[in-house]
Amino acid sequence: MTNKNNLIQPVKKENRIIYLDILRGIAIFFIFSANIVYFSGHFTFPEEGRLPSTLFIFDKTLDFILYSLVDGKFYSLFSLLFGIGCAIQHQNLTKHNKPFAPFFKRRMFWLLIFGLIHLHIFWLGDILTLYALLGFVLIFFVDFTNRQLITYASVLILLPILNWFIINVIGWNYPMFFFKLNSQYYEYFNLPMIENNGIKRSNFGAFILNENILDFLKMNIGNSFLRIGGILNEGRIFKVLGIFLIGLWAGRKILNENLLENSSFLKKVAIWGIFIGLPMSFFRGYIEFYAQRTEIWNLLHTITYAFGTVPLAMGYAALLAIFYKKIPLLNGFELVGKMALSNYLFQTALAITIFYGIGFSFAGKLGFTVIIGIAILIYSVQVLLSMWWLKSHSFGPMEWLWRQLTYNRLFRKKNDL
């Protein structure tokens, strides 16, 4: 019989860090509040088609504020948490003389499978695929010194600016390869397309309104090429990997130097993160909503993204670390955070059901404030469902499946960790 003590084990329930679950739950909510705007067709369909009763005079102001404060910041926090999780798993294995790389590769392989299914069948905005692929790269950095991690992270986070110059100044538009693949795919299957600046691409509006499930699947596979091209175009690979490295650094500090109790350091991160990130983010919001999108404005948009998004995200994380023990209402976020993967995928399923043609076809019919209200309502239901589920289970259904595949053994009981 195999000795259970010789098996690779997940982090035990009593050793979980509550702050990380709360931060994960908050990140899941705000990622959804950003994603649901795309699910709803808000950017795809004209305002004239929206129900007048769902329109409010402050819709655009709320849109601007949330874009400035939310867009990019919370998937950055999710990236930070991914790196912290890697650091925890690395230390958990190495202190028991277990090899880290084979375990983490297996974990990333199954996350990649989940991500590819999510990306190609359900939602072109999937983040799991990118995280899994970069997770394989992250293995290379786990033995770097803390100084090396911060140095490489800083360079990577600024690389999207260089990426912009390569594409727009030097003229090597390498993401266009995937945009053309999208066009060729749609032409081959005779799917609806639109032409913009002389370039044919998939008609996203027709995709959302389509009522045929087989056509939905065919179009969504083609849309995955748009996702790849978009990620490359904005240099998101560099930024996400850079934040992973910050997460590795932060994870070590949390485990070895009690970072979450270092209020002096956390206050400095919060102050500087907000001081730098907030004005940059609002300036980026101004560019997005009000500026004429000439090349110089597009460059400034990229620069403000690099200098605004990550500092403000780190500021948010530090603020939460300072105050999370003093705010009991954050318990709901903790519950959702413990089931982050399940809740993330559940949000996709619900949004498609509500807005897409294969569901209730509310795309393009609702005002911005109502859309955000729906996100809040769905998340509130997720809090209740997470509370109910975790009363009898140690982790969410997708987390359970991921653990079976990663650890290659069956977890049967609530406390079977």
Protein backbone atom coordinates (compact mmCIF):
# COMPACT_ATOMS: atom_id res chain seq x y z
CA MET A 1 0.00 0.00 0.00
CA THR A 2 1.28 3.49 -0.84
CA ASN A 3 2.05 5.60 2.19
CA LYS A 4 -0.10 8.72 2.05
CA ASN A 5 2.74 10.73 3.57
CA ASN A 6 4.89 9.96 0.53
CA LEU A 7 2.34 11.45 -1.86
CA ILE A 8 2.44 15.02 -3.06
CA GLN A 9 -0.25 16.83 -1.07
CA PRO A 10 -2.19 20.07 -1.63
CA VAL A 11 -1.89 22.84 0.94
CA LYS A 12 -3.99 21.82 3.93
CA LYS A 13 -7.14 23.75 4.81
CA GLU A 14 -5.72 25.05 8.09
CA ASN A 15 -2.66 26.40 6.25
CA ARG A 16 -4.60 28.39 3.65
CA ILE A 17 -3.96 32.14 3.75
CA ILE A 18 -7.34 33.86 4.07
CA TYR A 19 -6.06 37.09 2.52
CA LEU A 20 -5.27 35.27 -0.74
CA ASP A 21 -8.76 33.78 -0.97
CA ILE A 22 -10.33 37.19 -0.32
CA LEU A 23 -8.13 38.86 -2.92
CA ARG A 24 -8.92 36.07 -5.38
CA GLY A 25 -12.66 36.49 -4.77
CA ILE A 26 -12.45 40.26 -5.29
CA ALA A 27 -10.43 39.77 -8.47
CA ILE A 28 -13.02 37.30 -9.82
CA PHE A 29 -15.80 39.83 -9.25
CA PHE A 30 -14.09 42.72 -11.00
CA ILE A 31 -12.83 40.54 -13.85
CA PHE A 32 -16.45 39.56 -14.41
CA SER A 33 -17.61 43.17 -14.19
CA ALA A 34 -15.22 43.91 -17.06
CA ASN A 35 -16.00 40.76 -19.06
CA ILE A 36 -19.76 41.08 -18.83
CA VAL A 37 -19.60 44.36 -20.75
CA TYR A 38 -18.20 42.40 -23.72
CA PHE A 39 -20.62 39.50 -23.23
CA SER A 40 -23.50 41.99 -23.30
CA GLY A 41 -22.58 43.43 -26.69
CA HIS A 42 -22.16 46.90 -25.16
CA PHE A 43 -19.25 47.69 -27.49
CA THR A 44 -20.71 45.81 -30.44
CA PHE A 45 -24.22 47.20 -30.92
CA PRO A 46 -25.40 50.84 -31.21
CA GLU A 47 -27.08 52.61 -28.32
CA GLU A 48 -30.24 53.07 -30.38
CA GLY A 49 -31.07 49.39 -29.95
CA ARG A 50 -31.06 49.49 -26.15
CA LEU A 51 -34.24 49.52 -24.11
CA PRO A 52 -34.85 53.14 -23.01
CA SER A 53 -35.89 51.99 -19.54
CA THR A 54 -32.38 50.58 -18.99
CA LEU A 55 -30.53 53.77 -19.90
CA PHE A 56 -29.36 56.27 -17.28
CA ILE A 57 -27.79 59.70 -17.64
CA PHE A 58 -24.73 58.56 -15.65
CA ASP A 59 -24.06 55.41 -17.73
CA LYS A 60 -21.09 56.86 -19.59
CA THR A 61 -19.62 58.38 -16.42
CA LEU A 62 -19.85 55.04 -14.62
CA ASP A 63 -18.34 53.35 -17.67
CA PHE A 64 -15.40 55.78 -17.62
CA ILE A 65 -14.83 55.37 -13.86
CA LEU A 66 -14.93 51.58 -13.95
CA TYR A 67 -12.70 51.47 -17.02
CA SER A 68 -10.15 53.65 -15.26
CA LEU A 69 -10.28 51.85 -11.91
CA VAL A 70 -10.96 48.26 -12.99
CA ASP A 71 -9.82 47.47 -16.54
CA GLY A 72 -6.64 45.40 -16.43
CA LYS A 73 -6.12 45.87 -12.70
CA PHE A 74 -7.91 42.79 -11.47
CA TYR A 75 -6.62 40.28 -13.94
CA SER A 76 -3.27 41.75 -12.87
CA LEU A 77 -4.18 40.83 -9.30
CA PHE A 78 -5.16 37.38 -10.52
CA SER A 79 -1.74 37.14 -12.19
CA LEU A 80 -0.12 38.19 -8.91
CA LEU A 81 -2.05 35.46 -7.09
CA PHE A 82 -0.95 32.92 -9.69
CA GLY A 83 2.70 33.73 -8.96
CA ILE A 84 2.10 33.63 -5.20
CA GLY A 85 0.43 30.25 -5.57
CA CYS A 86 3.42 28.97 -7.52
CA ALA A 87 5.77 30.13 -4.74
CA ILE A 88 3.65 28.38 -2.10
CA GLN A 89 3.54 25.14 -4.07
CA HIS A 90 7.27 25.32 -4.76
CA GLN A 91 8.10 25.73 -1.07
CA ASN A 92 5.58 23.06 -0.05
CA LEU A 93 7.27 20.53 -2.33
CA THR A 94 10.91 21.44 -1.86
CA LYS A 95 10.74 21.36 1.94
CA HIS A 96 9.59 17.74 1.62
CA ASN A 97 12.30 16.98 -0.97
CA LYS A 98 9.75 16.49 -3.75
CA PRO A 99 10.52 17.62 -7.34
CA PHE A 100 8.60 20.75 -8.27
CA ALA A 101 8.85 20.88 -12.08
CA PRO A 102 7.04 17.58 -12.89
CA PHE A 103 4.21 18.47 -10.51
CA PHE A 104 3.78 22.00 -11.85
CA LYS A 105 3.99 20.88 -15.48
CA ARG A 106 1.20 18.39 -14.82
CA ARG A 107 -0.83 21.10 -13.11
CA MET A 108 -0.32 23.50 -16.02
CA PHE A 109 -1.08 20.82 -18.60
CA TRP A 110 -4.56 20.26 -17.19
CA LEU A 111 -5.15 23.98 -16.75
CA LEU A 112 -4.22 24.34 -20.43
CA ILE A 113 -6.80 21.70 -21.36
CA PHE A 114 -9.47 23.57 -19.38
CA GLY A 115 -8.39 26.83 -20.97
CA LEU A 116 -8.43 25.52 -24.55
CA ILE A 117 -11.94 24.13 -24.06
CA HIS A 118 -13.08 27.42 -22.53
CA LEU A 119 -11.41 29.48 -25.27
CA HIS A 120 -12.52 27.52 -28.30
CA ILE A 121 -15.98 26.43 -27.24
CA PHE A 122 -17.25 29.19 -24.94
CA TRP A 123 -15.41 32.49 -24.55
CA LEU A 124 -12.72 34.14 -26.64
CA GLY A 125 -11.74 36.27 -23.62
CA ASP A 126 -10.42 33.22 -21.74
CA ILE A 127 -7.39 33.82 -19.50
CA LEU A 128 -6.72 30.22 -18.45
CA THR A 129 -4.91 29.27 -21.65
CA LEU A 130 -2.47 32.17 -21.39
CA TYR A 131 -1.86 31.49 -17.70
CA ALA A 132 -1.17 27.81 -18.32
CA LEU A 133 1.27 28.46 -21.18
CA LEU A 134 3.13 31.10 -19.18
CA GLY A 135 3.04 28.75 -16.18
CA PHE A 136 5.38 26.44 -18.06
CA VAL A 137 7.73 29.42 -18.54
CA LEU A 138 7.43 30.35 -14.87
CA ILE A 139 9.14 27.09 -13.86
CA PHE A 140 12.34 28.51 -15.30
CA PHE A 141 12.27 31.38 -12.75
CA VAL A 142 11.47 29.57 -9.49
CA ASP A 143 15.11 29.44 -8.36
CA PHE A 144 15.97 33.03 -9.28
CA THR A 145 16.95 35.40 -6.48
CA ASN A 146 14.45 37.98 -5.28
CA ARG A 147 16.46 40.76 -6.90
CA GLN A 148 16.50 38.92 -10.21
CA LEU A 149 12.75 38.39 -10.06
CA ILE A 150 12.04 42.09 -9.54
CA THR A 151 14.53 43.11 -12.24
CA TYR A 152 13.07 40.77 -14.85
CA ALA A 153 9.54 41.70 -13.81
CA SER A 154 10.25 45.42 -14.30
CA VAL A 155 11.67 44.83 -17.77
CA LEU A 156 8.80 42.56 -18.81
CA ILE A 157 6.12 45.00 -17.64
CA LEU A 158 7.67 47.75 -19.80
CA LEU A 159 8.14 45.53 -22.87
CA PRO A 160 4.61 46.24 -24.24
CA ILE A 161 5.89 49.74 -25.06
CA LEU A 162 8.71 48.25 -27.14
CA ASN A 163 6.17 45.86 -28.63
CA TRP A 164 4.12 48.88 -29.78
CA PHE A 165 7.16 50.40 -31.51
CA ILE A 166 8.00 47.11 -33.23
CA ILE A 167 4.46 46.83 -34.63
CA ASN A 168 3.70 50.49 -35.40
CA VAL A 169 7.06 52.13 -36.10
CA ILE A 170 9.31 49.36 -37.38
CA GLY A 171 6.31 47.87 -39.16
CA TRP A 172 6.67 44.23 -38.14
CA ASN A 173 3.00 43.56 -37.46
CA TYR A 174 3.40 39.94 -36.41
CA PRO A 175 -0.05 39.71 -34.70
CA MET A 176 -1.60 40.27 -38.15
CA PHE A 177 -0.79 36.63 -38.94
CA PHE A 178 -3.50 35.53 -36.49
CA PHE A 179 -5.98 38.18 -37.63
CA LYS A 180 -5.55 36.83 -41.17
CA LEU A 181 -6.06 33.31 -39.92
CA ASN A 182 -9.35 34.48 -38.45
CA SER A 183 -10.37 35.92 -41.83
CA GLN A 184 -9.32 32.79 -43.74
CA TYR A 185 -11.15 30.55 -41.28
CA TYR A 186 -14.37 32.57 -41.60
CA GLU A 187 -14.11 32.67 -45.38
CA TYR A 188 -13.53 28.92 -45.57
CA PHE A 189 -16.66 28.15 -43.53
CA ASN A 190 -18.65 30.98 -45.15
CA LEU A 191 -19.28 32.67 -41.78
CA PRO A 192 -20.39 36.33 -41.41
CA MET A 193 -17.59 38.91 -41.66
CA ILE A 194 -17.12 42.68 -41.54
CA GLU A 195 -14.47 44.87 -43.12
CA ASN A 196 -12.58 47.48 -41.10
CA ASN A 197 -9.75 49.57 -42.58
CA GLY A 198 -9.53 47.18 -45.51
CA ILE A 199 -9.18 44.12 -43.27
CA LYS A 200 -11.89 41.47 -43.09
CA ARG A 201 -12.57 39.95 -39.70
CA SER A 202 -15.30 37.95 -38.04
CA ASN A 203 -18.58 39.76 -37.44
CA PHE A 204 -18.74 39.67 -33.67
CA GLY A 205 -22.27 41.05 -33.60
CA ALA A 206 -23.50 38.21 -35.83
CA PHE A 207 -21.65 35.75 -33.60
CA ILE A 208 -23.39 37.02 -30.46
CA LEU A 209 -26.86 37.08 -32.07
CA ASN A 210 -26.48 33.69 -33.76
CA GLU A 211 -29.06 31.17 -32.53
CA ASN A 212 -27.53 27.99 -33.94
CA ILE A 213 -25.26 26.16 -31.50
CA LEU A 214 -23.18 24.48 -34.23
CA ASP A 215 -22.55 27.85 -35.91
CA PHE A 216 -21.74 29.29 -32.49
CA LEU A 217 -19.07 26.64 -31.99
CA LYS A 218 -17.63 27.12 -35.47
CA MET A 219 -17.46 30.90 -35.08
CA ASN A 220 -15.98 30.73 -31.60
CA ILE A 221 -13.14 28.51 -32.82
CA GLY A 222 -12.37 31.16 -35.44
CA ASN A 223 -12.62 33.91 -32.84
CA SER A 224 -9.79 32.27 -30.88
CA PHE A 225 -7.40 33.58 -33.55
CA LEU A 226 -8.61 37.10 -32.71
CA ARG A 227 -7.80 36.45 -29.07
CA ILE A 228 -4.25 35.33 -29.86
CA GLY A 229 -3.69 38.31 -32.15
CA GLY A 230 -5.07 40.72 -29.56
CA ILE A 231 -2.84 39.35 -26.80
CA LEU A 232 0.24 39.66 -29.02
CA ASN A 233 -0.77 43.11 -30.25
CA GLU A 234 -0.97 44.57 -26.75
CA GLY A 235 2.05 42.68 -25.42
CA ARG A 236 0.03 41.05 -22.66
CA ILE A 237 2.35 38.04 -22.57
CA PHE A 238 5.16 40.20 -21.21
CA LYS A 239 3.00 41.95 -18.66
CA VAL A 240 1.39 38.78 -17.29
CA LEU A 241 4.73 37.00 -16.98
CA GLY A 242 6.18 40.06 -15.27
CA ILE A 243 3.39 40.06 -12.68
CA PHE A 244 3.85 36.30 -12.20
CA LEU A 245 7.42 37.08 -11.17
CA ILE A 246 6.26 39.75 -8.73
CA GLY A 247 3.91 37.10 -7.35
CA LEU A 248 6.81 34.67 -6.91
CA TRP A 249 8.68 37.35 -5.00
CA ALA A 250 5.62 38.25 -2.89
CA GLY A 251 4.89 34.58 -2.17
CA ARG A 252 8.37 34.09 -0.78
CA LYS A 253 8.03 37.23 1.34
CA ILE A 254 4.65 36.09 2.67
CA LEU A 255 5.96 32.65 3.62
CA ASN A 256 9.42 33.55 4.88
CA GLU A 257 9.23 37.16 6.06
CA ASN A 258 5.59 37.55 7.13
CA LEU A 259 4.96 40.21 4.49
CA LEU A 260 1.24 40.49 5.30
CA GLU A 261 2.10 41.78 8.78
CA ASN A 262 4.63 44.33 7.55
CA SER A 263 2.29 47.31 7.70
CA SER A 264 5.04 49.85 7.05
CA PHE A 265 6.00 48.25 3.74
CA LEU A 266 2.37 47.66 2.76
CA LYS A 267 1.53 51.32 3.37
CA LYS A 268 4.40 52.40 1.12
CA VAL A 269 3.23 50.08 -1.66
CA ALA A 270 -0.35 51.30 -1.27
CA ILE A 271 0.60 54.99 -1.31
CA TRP A 272 3.05 54.80 -4.20
CA GLY A 273 0.89 52.38 -6.18
CA ILE A 274 -2.13 54.65 -5.96
CA PHE A 275 -0.11 57.86 -6.34
CA ILE A 276 1.42 56.62 -9.60
CA GLY A 277 -1.29 54.31 -10.88
CA LEU A 278 -4.42 56.36 -10.29
CA PRO A 279 -3.62 59.43 -12.43
CA MET A 280 -2.09 57.23 -15.14
CA SER A 281 -5.20 55.07 -15.20
CA PHE A 282 -7.57 58.03 -15.41
CA PHE A 283 -5.44 59.52 -18.19
CA ARG A 284 -5.70 56.19 -20.03
CA GLY A 285 -9.45 56.35 -19.49
CA TYR A 286 -9.53 59.84 -21.00
CA ILE A 287 -7.63 58.57 -24.05
CA GLU A 288 -10.02 55.64 -24.44
CA PHE A 289 -13.21 57.68 -24.12
CA TYR A 290 -12.46 61.17 -25.37
CA ALA A 291 -9.22 61.44 -27.39
CA GLN A 292 -8.89 61.14 -31.16
CA ARG A 293 -7.08 57.82 -31.59
CA THR A 294 -4.08 59.00 -33.60
CA GLU A 295 -0.78 57.12 -33.37
CA ILE A 296 0.54 59.40 -30.64
CA TRP A 297 -2.58 58.81 -28.55
CA ASN A 298 -2.29 55.06 -29.13
CA LEU A 299 1.31 55.20 -27.91
CA LEU A 300 0.26 57.16 -24.82
CA HIS A 301 -2.50 54.61 -24.25
CA THR A 302 0.15 51.85 -24.18
CA ILE A 303 2.47 53.85 -21.92
CA THR A 304 -0.26 54.71 -19.41
CA TYR A 305 -1.30 51.05 -19.38
CA ALA A 306 2.25 50.01 -18.47
CA PHE A 307 2.77 52.70 -15.82
CA GLY A 308 -0.78 52.80 -14.49
CA THR A 309 -2.24 49.32 -14.39
CA VAL A 310 0.40 47.40 -12.45
CA PRO A 311 1.14 50.07 -9.80
CA LEU A 312 -2.57 50.58 -9.11
CA ALA A 313 -3.16 46.82 -8.91
CA MET A 314 -0.29 46.51 -6.41
CA GLY A 315 -1.76 49.43 -4.49
CA TYR A 316 -5.11 47.64 -4.29
CA ALA A 317 -3.42 44.45 -3.07
CA ALA A 318 -1.47 46.30 -0.37
CA LEU A 319 -4.56 48.22 0.81
CA LEU A 320 -6.48 44.99 1.17
CA ALA A 321 -3.61 43.41 3.09
CA ILE A 322 -3.74 46.32 5.56
CA PHE A 323 -7.50 46.27 6.12
CA TYR A 324 -8.84 42.78 5.35
CA LYS A 325 -8.89 41.62 8.97
CA LYS A 326 -10.98 44.65 9.96
CA ILE A 327 -13.77 44.16 7.39
CA PRO A 328 -15.96 41.09 8.19
CA LEU A 329 -18.06 41.61 5.03
CA LEU A 330 -15.10 40.38 2.99
CA ASN A 331 -15.97 36.80 4.05
CA GLY A 332 -18.21 36.50 0.98
CA PHE A 333 -15.26 37.21 -1.27
CA GLU A 334 -13.27 34.56 0.58
CA LEU A 335 -15.86 31.90 -0.22
CA VAL A 336 -15.93 32.76 -3.92
CA GLY A 337 -12.12 32.92 -3.95
CA LYS A 338 -11.86 29.35 -2.64
CA MET A 339 -13.81 28.26 -5.73
CA ALA A 340 -12.27 30.75 -8.15
CA LEU A 341 -11.93 28.42 -11.15
CA SER A 342 -15.47 27.06 -10.80
CA ASN A 343 -16.93 30.52 -10.35
CA TYR A 344 -14.96 31.96 -13.27
CA LEU A 345 -16.31 29.28 -15.62
CA PHE A 346 -19.82 29.55 -14.14
CA GLN A 347 -19.80 33.28 -14.95
CA THR A 348 -19.11 32.48 -18.60
CA ALA A 349 -21.98 30.00 -18.75
CA LEU A 350 -24.44 32.44 -17.18
CA ALA A 351 -23.38 35.42 -19.30
CA ILE A 352 -23.71 33.44 -22.54
CA THR A 353 -27.13 32.19 -21.43
CA ILE A 354 -28.35 35.71 -20.66
CA PHE A 355 -26.92 37.67 -23.58
CA TYR A 356 -26.16 35.43 -26.57
CA GLY A 357 -28.55 34.31 -29.30
CA ILE A 358 -28.25 30.70 -28.18
CA GLY A 359 -29.62 31.90 -24.82
CA PHE A 360 -32.05 34.72 -24.00
CA SER A 361 -30.66 37.21 -26.58
CA PHE A 362 -30.34 40.28 -24.34
CA ALA A 363 -27.15 41.39 -26.12
CA GLY A 364 -27.22 45.05 -27.13
CA LYS A 365 -30.50 45.72 -25.31
CA LEU A 366 -29.34 46.93 -21.90
CA GLY A 367 -27.66 50.08 -20.62
CA PHE A 368 -24.28 50.02 -18.91
CA THR A 369 -25.50 50.48 -15.33
CA VAL A 370 -28.02 47.65 -15.70
CA ILE A 371 -25.30 45.39 -17.09
CA ILE A 372 -23.11 46.06 -14.04
CA GLY A 373 -26.16 45.47 -11.83
CA ILE A 374 -26.56 42.04 -13.41
CA ALA A 375 -22.89 41.31 -12.67
CA ILE A 376 -23.42 42.23 -9.02
CA LEU A 377 -26.56 40.06 -8.85
CA ILE A 378 -24.80 37.05 -10.41
CA TYR A 379 -21.85 37.45 -8.07
CA SER A 380 -24.17 37.68 -5.05
CA VAL A 381 -25.73 34.38 -6.11
CA GLN A 382 -22.21 32.93 -6.41
CA VAL A 383 -21.47 33.96 -2.83
CA LEU A 384 -24.54 32.04 -1.64
CA LEU A 385 -23.80 29.03 -3.83
CA SER A 386 -20.17 28.97 -2.69
CA MET A 387 -21.29 29.12 0.94
CA TRP A 388 -23.69 26.23 0.37
CA TRP A 389 -21.18 24.12 -1.55
CA LEU A 390 -18.29 24.59 0.88
CA LYS A 391 -20.39 23.39 3.80
CA SER A 392 -20.02 19.86 2.47
CA HIS A 393 -16.98 20.10 0.18
CA SER A 394 -13.40 21.25 0.64
CA PHE A 395 -13.16 22.83 -2.80
CA GLY A 396 -15.27 23.66 -5.85
CA PRO A 397 -16.22 21.07 -8.50
CA MET A 398 -13.64 22.26 -11.05
CA GLU A 399 -11.00 22.61 -8.32
CA TRP A 400 -11.82 19.03 -7.29
CA LEU A 401 -11.37 17.79 -10.86
CA TRP A 402 -8.14 19.75 -11.27
CA ARG A 403 -6.78 18.18 -8.08
CA GLN A 404 -7.64 14.64 -9.20
CA LEU A 405 -5.75 15.19 -12.43
CA THR A 406 -2.82 17.06 -10.86
CA TYR A 407 -2.20 14.79 -7.86
CA ASN A 408 -3.29 11.63 -9.68
CA ARG A 409 -5.43 10.36 -6.83
CA LEU A 410 -9.03 10.52 -5.70
CA PHE A 411 -10.11 13.02 -3.03
CA ARG A 412 -13.31 11.58 -1.58
CA LYS A 413 -14.01 13.26 1.75
CA LYS A 414 -14.38 16.86 2.80
CA ASN A 415 -11.19 16.74 4.83
CA ASP A 416 -9.28 14.41 2.52
CA LEU A 417 -6.49 16.82 1.68
